[in-house]
Amino acid sequence: MTSPDPAGTHRDPHPRDELLAAAVEYAAGQGLTDISLRQLAAELGTSHRMLIYHFGSKQGLLAAVVAEVERGQRDAVAQLRREPGMTPVEIARLMWQRFTDPELWPLERLFFELYAQALQGREHTGGFLDAVLEPWLDLFTQLHVAHGLPPERARACARLGVAVTRGLLLDLLATGDRDGVDQAAQLFVEWYESALRSARR
Protein backbone atom coordinates (compact mmCIF):
# COMPACT_ATOMS: atom_id res chain seq x y z
CA MET A 1 0.00 0.00 0.00
CA THR A 2 1.29 3.45 -0.91
CA SER A 3 1.61 5.96 1.94
CA PRO A 4 -0.68 8.99 1.74
CA ASP A 5 0.78 12.23 0.48
CA PRO A 6 1.16 14.53 3.52
CA ALA A 7 1.22 17.63 1.33
CA GLY A 8 -1.94 16.54 -0.45
CA THR A 9 -0.54 17.34 -3.87
CA HIS A 10 1.84 14.62 -5.04
CA ARG A 11 3.47 11.38 -4.01
CA ASP A 12 6.90 11.42 -2.47
CA PRO A 13 9.42 10.48 -5.18
CA HIS A 14 12.01 9.62 -2.51
CA PRO A 15 11.35 6.68 -0.18
CA ARG A 16 12.47 7.12 3.40
CA ASP A 17 15.56 4.96 2.97
CA GLU A 18 16.74 7.03 0.02
CA LEU A 19 16.23 10.27 1.93
CA LEU A 20 18.05 8.86 4.92
CA ALA A 21 21.00 7.70 2.80
CA ALA A 22 21.21 11.14 1.22
CA ALA A 23 21.05 12.80 4.63
CA VAL A 24 23.87 10.59 5.94
CA GLU A 25 26.01 11.49 2.93
CA TYR A 26 25.28 15.18 3.39
CA ALA A 27 25.99 15.01 7.13
CA ALA A 28 29.35 13.33 6.47
CA GLY A 29 30.41 16.13 4.17
CA GLN A 30 28.75 19.22 5.59
CA GLY A 31 27.32 18.43 9.01
CA LEU A 32 23.69 19.00 9.96
CA THR A 33 23.78 21.17 13.07
CA ASP A 34 23.77 24.58 11.40
CA ILE A 35 21.32 23.95 8.59
CA SER A 36 17.56 24.39 8.75
CA LEU A 37 15.17 21.63 7.75
CA ARG A 38 14.05 23.67 4.73
CA GLN A 39 17.65 24.21 3.61
CA LEU A 40 18.44 20.54 4.08
CA ALA A 41 15.35 19.53 2.13
CA ALA A 42 16.52 21.70 -0.78
CA GLU A 43 19.97 20.10 -0.64
CA LEU A 44 18.39 16.63 -0.71
CA GLY A 45 16.03 17.46 -3.54
CA THR A 46 12.84 17.12 -1.53
CA SER A 47 10.56 19.31 0.59
CA HIS A 48 10.66 20.01 4.30
CA ARG A 49 7.14 18.54 4.50
CA MET A 50 8.44 15.22 3.26
CA LEU A 51 11.24 15.24 5.81
CA ILE A 52 8.73 15.98 8.55
CA TYR A 53 6.47 13.23 7.21
CA HIS A 54 9.23 10.62 7.30
CA PHE A 55 11.20 11.76 10.37
CA GLY A 56 8.87 13.97 12.40
CA SER A 57 11.28 16.87 12.83
CA LYS A 58 14.86 17.89 12.20
CA GLN A 59 15.84 16.31 15.50
CA GLY A 60 14.09 13.10 14.46
CA LEU A 61 16.09 13.13 11.25
CA LEU A 62 19.33 13.61 13.20
CA ALA A 63 18.45 10.62 15.37
CA ALA A 64 17.74 8.53 12.27
CA VAL A 65 21.06 9.56 10.71
CA VAL A 66 22.98 8.54 13.83
CA ALA A 67 21.12 5.22 14.03
CA GLU A 68 21.88 4.50 10.38
CA VAL A 69 25.57 5.28 10.79
CA GLU A 70 25.75 3.08 13.87
CA ARG A 71 24.07 0.25 11.97
CA GLY A 72 26.61 0.59 9.18
CA GLN A 73 29.49 0.40 11.65
CA ARG A 74 28.08 -2.74 13.23
CA ASP A 75 27.67 -4.25 9.78
CA ALA A 76 31.37 -3.57 9.19
CA VAL A 77 32.25 -5.47 12.37
CA ALA A 78 29.98 -8.34 11.36
CA GLN A 79 31.69 -8.51 7.98
CA LEU A 80 35.13 -8.61 9.60
CA ARG A 81 33.94 -11.44 11.85
CA ARG A 82 33.26 -13.58 8.81
CA GLU A 83 36.84 -13.31 7.57
CA PRO A 84 38.89 -16.44 8.38
CA GLY A 85 41.22 -16.11 11.34
CA MET A 86 39.96 -12.68 12.37
CA THR A 87 40.35 -12.19 16.14
CA PRO A 88 38.71 -9.64 18.45
CA VAL A 89 42.04 -7.80 18.75
CA GLU A 90 42.49 -7.57 14.98
CA ILE A 91 38.91 -6.34 14.63
CA ALA A 92 39.57 -3.72 17.32
CA ARG A 93 42.62 -2.42 15.44
CA LEU A 94 40.82 -2.27 12.10
CA MET A 95 37.72 -0.63 13.54
CA TRP A 96 39.84 1.97 15.34
CA GLN A 97 41.35 2.93 11.99
CA ARG A 98 37.85 3.19 10.57
CA PHE A 99 36.45 5.22 13.46
CA THR A 100 39.29 7.73 13.38
CA ASP A 101 39.01 8.49 9.67
CA PRO A 102 38.59 12.30 9.50
CA GLU A 103 35.79 11.81 6.98
CA LEU A 104 33.70 10.34 9.80
CA TRP A 105 34.31 13.19 12.25
CA PRO A 106 31.20 15.22 11.31
CA LEU A 107 29.05 12.14 11.90
CA GLU A 108 30.80 11.38 15.18
CA ARG A 109 30.29 14.94 16.37
CA LEU A 110 26.61 14.50 15.61
CA PHE A 111 26.64 11.22 17.55
CA PHE A 112 28.02 12.86 20.70
CA GLU A 113 25.70 15.85 20.33
CA LEU A 114 22.70 13.53 20.26
CA TYR A 115 24.14 11.46 23.09
CA ALA A 116 24.29 14.58 25.28
CA GLN A 117 20.71 15.46 24.40
CA ALA A 118 19.60 11.93 25.29
CA LEU A 119 21.26 12.22 28.70
CA GLN A 120 19.21 15.39 29.23
CA GLY A 121 16.04 13.47 28.42
CA ARG A 122 15.14 15.36 25.25
CA GLU A 123 11.91 14.01 23.78
CA HIS A 124 13.27 13.30 20.30
CA THR A 125 15.95 10.99 21.74
CA GLY A 126 13.54 8.50 23.27
CA GLY A 127 15.12 5.04 23.22
CA PHE A 128 18.45 6.41 21.97
CA LEU A 129 20.48 5.33 24.99
CA ASP A 130 19.31 1.72 24.74
CA ALA A 131 19.68 1.56 20.98
CA VAL A 132 23.14 3.08 21.01
CA LEU A 133 24.63 0.59 23.49
CA GLU A 134 22.82 -2.75 23.60
CA PRO A 135 23.34 -3.73 19.94
CA TRP A 136 27.09 -3.14 20.33
CA LEU A 137 27.22 -5.10 23.57
CA ASP A 138 25.36 -8.00 21.99
CA LEU A 139 27.63 -8.00 18.94
CA PHE A 140 30.89 -7.94 20.85
CA THR A 141 29.67 -10.32 23.52
CA GLN A 142 28.94 -12.88 20.80
CA LEU A 143 32.36 -12.22 19.29
CA HIS A 144 34.14 -12.83 22.59
CA VAL A 145 32.09 -15.93 23.42
CA ALA A 146 33.01 -17.33 20.00
CA HIS A 147 36.66 -16.91 20.98
CA GLY A 148 36.36 -18.80 24.24
CA LEU A 149 35.29 -16.29 26.90
CA PRO A 150 32.52 -17.11 29.38
CA PRO A 151 29.37 -15.04 28.63
CA GLU A 152 29.60 -12.80 31.70
CA ARG A 153 33.26 -12.05 31.08
CA ALA A 154 32.58 -11.58 27.38
CA ARG A 155 29.92 -8.95 28.09
CA ALA A 156 32.21 -7.10 30.49
CA CYS A 157 34.94 -7.01 27.82
CA ALA A 158 32.41 -5.79 25.28
CA ARG A 159 31.27 -2.96 27.56
CA LEU A 160 34.81 -1.90 28.34
CA GLY A 161 35.78 -1.90 24.67
CA VAL A 162 32.80 0.27 23.68
CA ALA A 163 33.41 2.69 26.55
CA VAL A 164 37.13 3.11 25.85
CA THR A 165 36.61 3.53 22.11
CA ARG A 166 33.97 6.20 22.58
CA GLY A 167 36.00 7.97 25.22
CA LEU A 168 39.05 8.13 22.98
CA LEU A 169 36.96 9.29 20.03
CA LEU A 170 35.55 12.10 22.16
CA ASP A 171 39.11 12.99 23.16
CA LEU A 172 40.16 13.06 19.51
CA LEU A 173 37.27 15.28 18.46
CA ALA A 174 37.85 17.64 21.39
CA THR A 175 41.64 17.95 21.14
CA GLY A 176 42.60 16.92 17.61
CA ASP A 177 45.60 15.17 19.16
CA ARG A 178 45.72 12.25 16.77
CA ASP A 179 49.15 10.98 17.87
CA GLY A 180 48.31 11.09 21.56
CA VAL A 181 44.94 9.39 21.11
CA ASP A 182 46.42 6.73 18.83
CA GLN A 183 49.08 5.96 21.44
CA ALA A 184 46.42 5.57 24.11
CA ALA A 185 44.39 3.32 21.80
CA GLN A 186 47.44 1.18 21.09
CA LEU A 187 48.11 0.86 24.82
CA PHE A 188 44.55 -0.28 25.39
CA VAL A 189 44.73 -2.81 22.56
CA GLU A 190 47.93 -4.27 24.04
CA TRP A 191 46.25 -4.59 27.43
CA TYR A 192 43.13 -5.96 25.78
CA GLU A 193 45.11 -8.67 23.96
CA SER A 194 46.78 -9.72 27.20
CA ALA A 195 43.48 -9.71 29.10
CA LEU A 196 41.80 -11.91 26.50
CA ARG A 197 44.63 -14.44 26.67
CA SER A 198 44.31 -14.56 30.47
CA ALA A 199 40.52 -14.88 30.35
CA ARG A 200 40.73 -17.93 28.06
CA ARG A 201 43.04 -19.86 30.36
C-alpha atoms as a PDB file:
ATOM      1  CA  MET A   1       0.000   0.000   0.000  1.00  0.00           C
ATOM      2  CA  THR A   2       1.290   3.448  -0.907  1.00  0.00           C
ATOM      3  CA  SER A   3       1.614   5.960   1.940  1.00  0.00           C
ATOM      4  CA  PRO A   4      -0.678   8.988   1.738  1.00  0.00           C
ATOM      5  CA  ASP A   5       0.784  12.234   0.478  1.00  0.00           C
ATOM      6  CA  PRO A   6       1.164  14.533   3.522  1.00  0.00           C
ATOM      7  CA  ALA A   7       1.221  17.628   1.325  1.00  0.00           C
ATOM      8  CA  GLY A   8      -1.935  16.540  -0.452  1.00  0.00           C
ATOM      9  CA  THR A   9      -0.543  17.343  -3.869  1.00  0.00           C
ATOM     10  CA  HIS A  10       1.838  14.616  -5.045  1.00  0.00           C
ATOM     11  CA  ARG A  11       3.465  11.384  -4.006  1.00  0.00           C
ATOM     12  CA  ASP A  12       6.895  11.419  -2.471  1.00  0.00           C
ATOM     13  CA  PRO A  13       9.419  10.476  -5.176  1.00  0.00           C
ATOM     14  CA  HIS A  14      12.006   9.623  -2.510  1.00  0.00           C
ATOM     15  CA  PRO A  15      11.350   6.678  -0.180  1.00  0.00           C
ATOM     16  CA  ARG A  16      12.469   7.122   3.402  1.00  0.00           C
ATOM     17  CA  ASP A  17      15.557   4.963   2.968  1.00  0.00           C
ATOM     18  CA  GLU A  18      16.745   7.028   0.016  1.00  0.00           C
ATOM     19  CA  LEU A  19      16.230  10.268   1.926  1.00  0.00           C
ATOM     20  CA  LEU A  20      18.052   8.856   4.917  1.00  0.00           C
ATOM     21  CA  ALA A  21      21.003   7.698   2.801  1.00  0.00           C
ATOM     22  CA  ALA A  22      21.206  11.143   1.219  1.00  0.00           C
ATOM     23  CA  ALA A  23      21.051  12.803   4.635  1.00  0.00           C
ATOM     24  CA  VAL A  24      23.875  10.595   5.938  1.00  0.00           C
ATOM     25  CA  GLU A  25      26.007  11.493   2.930  1.00  0.00           C
ATOM     26  CA  TYR A  26      25.278  15.181   3.391  1.00  0.00           C
ATOM     27  CA  ALA A  27      25.993  15.009   7.134  1.00  0.00           C
ATOM     28  CA  ALA A  28      29.353  13.329   6.466  1.00  0.00           C
ATOM     29  CA  GLY A  29      30.413  16.131   4.171  1.00  0.00           C
ATOM     30  CA  GLN A  30      28.749  19.217   5.589  1.00  0.00           C
ATOM     31  CA  GLY A  31      27.317  18.430   9.011  1.00  0.00           C
ATOM     32  CA  LEU A  32      23.689  19.002   9.956  1.00  0.00           C
ATOM     33  CA  THR A  33      23.783  21.171  13.068  1.00  0.00           C
ATOM     34  CA  ASP A  34      23.774  24.581  11.399  1.00  0.00           C
ATOM     35  CA  ILE A  35      21.318  23.946   8.588  1.00  0.00           C
ATOM     36  CA  SER A  36      17.557  24.390   8.746  1.00  0.00           C
ATOM     37  CA  LEU A  37      15.173  21.634   7.748  1.00  0.00           C
ATOM     38  CA  ARG A  38      14.046  23.675   4.734  1.00  0.00           C
ATOM     39  CA  GLN A  39      17.650  24.209   3.605  1.00  0.00           C
ATOM     40  CA  LEU A  40      18.440  20.544   4.082  1.00  0.00           C
ATOM     41  CA  ALA A  41      15.347  19.528   2.126  1.00  0.00           C
ATOM     42  CA  ALA A  42      16.518  21.695  -0.775  1.00  0.00           C
ATOM     43  CA  GLU A  43      19.968  20.096  -0.643  1.00  0.00           C
ATOM     44  CA  LEU A  44      18.386  16.629  -0.707  1.00  0.00           C
ATOM     45  CA  GLY A  45      16.029  17.463  -3.543  1.00  0.00           C
ATOM     46  CA  THR A  46      12.839  17.116  -1.527  1.00  0.00           C
ATOM     47  CA  SER A  47      10.565  19.308   0.592  1.00  0.00           C
ATOM     48  CA  HIS A  48      10.657  20.013   4.299  1.00  0.00           C
ATOM     49  CA  ARG A  49       7.144  18.544   4.498  1.00  0.00           C
ATOM     50  CA  MET A  50       8.444  15.225   3.258  1.00  0.00           C
ATOM     51  CA  LEU A  51      11.244  15.237   5.812  1.00  0.00           C
ATOM     52  CA  ILE A  52       8.733  15.978   8.553  1.00  0.00           C
ATOM     53  CA  TYR A  53       6.474  13.229   7.215  1.00  0.00           C
ATOM     54  CA  HIS A  54       9.230  10.618   7.300  1.00  0.00           C
ATOM     55  CA  PHE A  55      11.200  11.763  10.365  1.00  0.00           C
ATOM     56  CA  GLY A  56       8.867  13.973  12.400  1.00  0.00           C
ATOM     57  CA  SER A  57      11.279  16.872  12.828  1.00  0.00           C
ATOM     58  CA  LYS A  58      14.859  17.888  12.196  1.00  0.00           C
ATOM     59  CA  GLN A  59      15.843  16.305  15.499  1.00  0.00           C
ATOM     60  CA  GLY A  60      14.090  13.102  14.459  1.00  0.00           C
ATOM     61  CA  LEU A  61      16.094  13.133  11.246  1.00  0.00           C
ATOM     62  CA  LEU A  62      19.331  13.609  13.199  1.00  0.00           C
ATOM     63  CA  ALA A  63      18.453  10.619  15.371  1.00  0.00           C
ATOM     64  CA  ALA A  64      17.737   8.532  12.269  1.00  0.00           C
ATOM     65  CA  VAL A  65      21.062   9.562  10.715  1.00  0.00           C
ATOM     66  CA  VAL A  66      22.984   8.536  13.832  1.00  0.00           C
ATOM     67  CA  ALA A  67      21.118   5.221  14.033  1.00  0.00           C
ATOM     68  CA  GLU A  68      21.882   4.499  10.381  1.00  0.00           C
ATOM     69  CA  VAL A  69      25.573   5.282  10.787  1.00  0.00           C
ATOM     70  CA  GLU A  70      25.745   3.079  13.875  1.00  0.00           C
ATOM     71  CA  ARG A  71      24.067   0.251  11.970  1.00  0.00           C
ATOM     72  CA  GLY A  72      26.608   0.593   9.184  1.00  0.00           C
ATOM     73  CA  GLN A  73      29.488   0.401  11.646  1.00  0.00           C
ATOM     74  CA  ARG A  74      28.078  -2.739  13.234  1.00  0.00           C
ATOM     75  CA  ASP A  75      27.668  -4.254   9.777  1.00  0.00           C
ATOM     76  CA  ALA A  76      31.374  -3.567   9.189  1.00  0.00           C
ATOM     77  CA  VAL A  77      32.252  -5.468  12.368  1.00  0.00           C
ATOM     78  CA  ALA A  78      29.981  -8.341  11.358  1.00  0.00           C
ATOM     79  CA  GLN A  79      31.694  -8.508   7.980  1.00  0.00           C
ATOM     80  CA  LEU A  80      35.132  -8.615   9.598  1.00  0.00           C
ATOM     81  CA  ARG A  81      33.939 -11.442  11.854  1.00  0.00           C
ATOM     82  CA  ARG A  82      33.258 -13.577   8.807  1.00  0.00           C
ATOM     83  CA  GLU A  83      36.836 -13.312   7.569  1.00  0.00           C
ATOM     84  CA  PRO A  84      38.888 -16.444   8.379  1.00  0.00           C
ATOM     85  CA  GLY A  85      41.224 -16.110  11.335  1.00  0.00           C
ATOM     86  CA  MET A  86      39.962 -12.679  12.368  1.00  0.00           C
ATOM     87  CA  THR A  87      40.347 -12.192  16.136  1.00  0.00           C
ATOM     88  CA  PRO A  88      38.714  -9.636  18.449  1.00  0.00           C
ATOM     89  CA  VAL A  89      42.038  -7.797  18.751  1.00  0.00           C
ATOM     90  CA  GLU A  90      42.494  -7.570  14.981  1.00  0.00           C
ATOM     91  CA  ILE A  91      38.913  -6.338  14.633  1.00  0.00           C
ATOM     92  CA  ALA A  92      39.566  -3.723  17.322  1.00  0.00           C
ATOM     93  CA  ARG A  93      42.617  -2.425  15.439  1.00  0.00           C
ATOM     94  CA  LEU A  94      40.817  -2.274  12.104  1.00  0.00           C
ATOM     95  CA  MET A  95      37.725  -0.625  13.544  1.00  0.00           C
ATOM     96  CA  TRP A  96      39.836   1.969  15.338  1.00  0.00           C
ATOM     97  CA  GLN A  97      41.348   2.930  11.988  1.00  0.00           C
ATOM     98  CA  ARG A  98      37.847   3.187  10.570  1.00  0.00           C
ATOM     99  CA  PHE A  99      36.446   5.218  13.462  1.00  0.00           C
ATOM    100  CA  THR A 100      39.288   7.734  13.381  1.00  0.00           C
ATOM    101  CA  ASP A 101      39.014   8.490   9.671  1.00  0.00           C
ATOM    102  CA  PRO A 102      38.589  12.299   9.496  1.00  0.00           C
ATOM    103  CA  GLU A 103      35.788  11.811   6.975  1.00  0.00           C
ATOM    104  CA  LEU A 104      33.695  10.344   9.799  1.00  0.00           C
ATOM    105  CA  TRP A 105      34.309  13.187  12.253  1.00  0.00           C
ATOM    106  CA  PRO A 106      31.199  15.221  11.312  1.00  0.00           C
ATOM    107  CA  LEU A 107      29.053  12.141  11.901  1.00  0.00           C
ATOM    108  CA  GLU A 108      30.800  11.376  15.179  1.00  0.00           C
ATOM    109  CA  ARG A 109      30.289  14.945  16.373  1.00  0.00           C
ATOM    110  CA  LEU A 110      26.615  14.504  15.606  1.00  0.00           C
ATOM    111  CA  PHE A 111      26.636  11.222  17.548  1.00  0.00           C
ATOM    112  CA  PHE A 112      28.025  12.857  20.696  1.00  0.00           C
ATOM    113  CA  GLU A 113      25.697  15.845  20.330  1.00  0.00           C
ATOM    114  CA  LEU A 114      22.697  13.534  20.258  1.00  0.00           C
ATOM    115  CA  TYR A 115      24.138  11.456  23.092  1.00  0.00           C
ATOM    116  CA  ALA A 116      24.288  14.578  25.282  1.00  0.00           C
ATOM    117  CA  GLN A 117      20.708  15.459  24.403  1.00  0.00           C
ATOM    118  CA  ALA A 118      19.602  11.927  25.293  1.00  0.00           C
ATOM    119  CA  LEU A 119      21.256  12.224  28.697  1.00  0.00           C
ATOM    120  CA  GLN A 120      19.214  15.390  29.233  1.00  0.00           C
ATOM    121  CA  GLY A 121      16.037  13.468  28.423  1.00  0.00           C
ATOM    122  CA  ARG A 122      15.143  15.356  25.252  1.00  0.00           C
ATOM    123  CA  GLU A 123      11.911  14.015  23.779  1.00  0.00           C
ATOM    124  CA  HIS A 124      13.269  13.305  20.297  1.00  0.00           C
ATOM    125  CA  THR A 125      15.949  10.992  21.738  1.00  0.00           C
ATOM    126  CA  GLY A 126      13.539   8.499  23.266  1.00  0.00           C
ATOM    127  CA  GLY A 127      15.115   5.040  23.221  1.00  0.00           C
ATOM    128  CA  PHE A 128      18.446   6.407  21.974  1.00  0.00           C
ATOM    129  CA  LEU A 129      20.482   5.328  24.992  1.00  0.00           C
ATOM    130  CA  ASP A 130      19.312   1.717  24.741  1.00  0.00           C
ATOM    131  CA  ALA A 131      19.683   1.557  20.976  1.00  0.00           C
ATOM    132  CA  VAL A 132      23.139   3.081  21.009  1.00  0.00           C
ATOM    133  CA  LEU A 133      24.625   0.592  23.486  1.00  0.00           C
ATOM    134  CA  GLU A 134      22.820  -2.747  23.600  1.00  0.00           C
ATOM    135  CA  PRO A 135      23.342  -3.729  19.936  1.00  0.00           C
ATOM    136  CA  TRP A 136      27.087  -3.137  20.332  1.00  0.00           C
ATOM    137  CA  LEU A 137      27.224  -5.096  23.574  1.00  0.00           C
ATOM    138  CA  ASP A 138      25.355  -7.996  21.989  1.00  0.00           C
ATOM    139  CA  LEU A 139      27.625  -7.997  18.939  1.00  0.00           C
ATOM    140  CA  PHE A 140      30.894  -7.939  20.852  1.00  0.00           C
ATOM    141  CA  THR A 141      29.667 -10.325  23.522  1.00  0.00           C
ATOM    142  CA  GLN A 142      28.937 -12.876  20.796  1.00  0.00           C
ATOM    143  CA  LEU A 143      32.360 -12.222  19.294  1.00  0.00           C
ATOM    144  CA  HIS A 144      34.136 -12.831  22.595  1.00  0.00           C
ATOM    145  CA  VAL A 145      32.092 -15.928  23.420  1.00  0.00           C
ATOM    146  CA  ALA A 146      33.008 -17.328  20.004  1.00  0.00           C
ATOM    147  CA  HIS A 147      36.664 -16.909  20.980  1.00  0.00           C
ATOM    148  CA  GLY A 148      36.356 -18.804  24.237  1.00  0.00           C
ATOM    149  CA  LEU A 149      35.293 -16.290  26.898  1.00  0.00           C
ATOM    150  CA  PRO A 150      32.515 -17.107  29.376  1.00  0.00           C
ATOM    151  CA  PRO A 151      29.366 -15.043  28.627  1.00  0.00           C
ATOM    152  CA  GLU A 152      29.597 -12.802  31.695  1.00  0.00           C
ATOM    153  CA  ARG A 153      33.261 -12.050  31.080  1.00  0.00           C
ATOM    154  CA  ALA A 154      32.577 -11.576  27.379  1.00  0.00           C
ATOM    155  CA  ARG A 155      29.915  -8.948  28.088  1.00  0.00           C
ATOM    156  CA  ALA A 156      32.208  -7.097  30.488  1.00  0.00           C
ATOM    157  CA  CYS A 157      34.939  -7.014  27.822  1.00  0.00           C
ATOM    158  CA  ALA A 158      32.414  -5.787  25.276  1.00  0.00           C
ATOM    159  CA  ARG A 159      31.268  -2.964  27.557  1.00  0.00           C
ATOM    160  CA  LEU A 160      34.809  -1.902  28.336  1.00  0.00           C
ATOM    161  CA  GLY A 161      35.779  -1.895  24.668  1.00  0.00           C
ATOM    162  CA  VAL A 162      32.804   0.271  23.680  1.00  0.00           C
ATOM    163  CA  ALA A 163      33.414   2.688  26.552  1.00  0.00           C
ATOM    164  CA  VAL A 164      37.131   3.110  25.853  1.00  0.00           C
ATOM    165  CA  THR A 165      36.607   3.527  22.111  1.00  0.00           C
ATOM    166  CA  ARG A 166      33.967   6.202  22.583  1.00  0.00           C
ATOM    167  CA  GLY A 167      36.001   7.975  25.220  1.00  0.00           C
ATOM    168  CA  LEU A 168      39.053   8.126  22.980  1.00  0.00           C
ATOM    169  CA  LEU A 169      36.956   9.294  20.033  1.00  0.00           C
ATOM    170  CA  LEU A 170      35.550  12.101  22.160  1.00  0.00           C
ATOM    171  CA  ASP A 171      39.112  12.994  23.163  1.00  0.00           C
ATOM    172  CA  LEU A 172      40.160  13.058  19.507  1.00  0.00           C
ATOM    173  CA  LEU A 173      37.270  15.284  18.465  1.00  0.00           C
ATOM    174  CA  ALA A 174      37.855  17.644  21.390  1.00  0.00           C
ATOM    175  CA  THR A 175      41.636  17.952  21.138  1.00  0.00           C
ATOM    176  CA  GLY A 176      42.602  16.923  17.615  1.00  0.00           C
ATOM    177  CA  ASP A 177      45.604  15.169  19.165  1.00  0.00           C
ATOM    178  CA  ARG A 178      45.720  12.246  16.768  1.00  0.00           C
ATOM    179  CA  ASP A 179      49.146  10.982  17.865  1.00  0.00           C
ATOM    180  CA  GLY A 180      48.306  11.085  21.557  1.00  0.00           C
ATOM    181  CA  VAL A 181      44.943   9.389  21.114  1.00  0.00           C
ATOM    182  CA  ASP A 182      46.418   6.726  18.828  1.00  0.00           C
ATOM    183  CA  GLN A 183      49.083   5.963  21.436  1.00  0.00           C
ATOM    184  CA  ALA A 184      46.419   5.574  24.112  1.00  0.00           C
ATOM    185  CA  ALA A 185      44.393   3.320  21.803  1.00  0.00           C
ATOM    186  CA  GLN A 186      47.436   1.180  21.092  1.00  0.00           C
ATOM    187  CA  LEU A 187      48.115   0.864  24.817  1.00  0.00           C
ATOM    188  CA  PHE A 188      44.546  -0.275  25.388  1.00  0.00           C
ATOM    189  CA  VAL A 189      44.729  -2.810  22.557  1.00  0.00           C
ATOM    190  CA  GLU A 190      47.926  -4.266  24.038  1.00  0.00           C
ATOM    191  CA  TRP A 191      46.249  -4.585  27.433  1.00  0.00           C
ATOM    192  CA  TYR A 192      43.125  -5.961  25.781  1.00  0.00           C
ATOM    193  CA  GLU A 193      45.106  -8.670  23.958  1.00  0.00           C
ATOM    194  CA  SER A 194      46.782  -9.720  27.200  1.00  0.00           C
ATOM    195  CA  ALA A 195      43.479  -9.711  29.099  1.00  0.00           C
ATOM    196  CA  LEU A 196      41.802 -11.911  26.496  1.00  0.00           C
ATOM    197  CA  ARG A 197      44.635 -14.441  26.672  1.00  0.00           C
ATOM    198  CA  SER A 198      44.314 -14.562  30.471  1.00  0.00           C
ATOM    199  CA  ALA A 199      40.518 -14.877  30.349  1.00  0.00           C
ATOM    200  CA  ARG A 200      40.731 -17.929  28.064  1.00  0.00           C
ATOM    201  CA  ARG A 201      43.043 -19.860  30.364  1.00  0.00           C
END
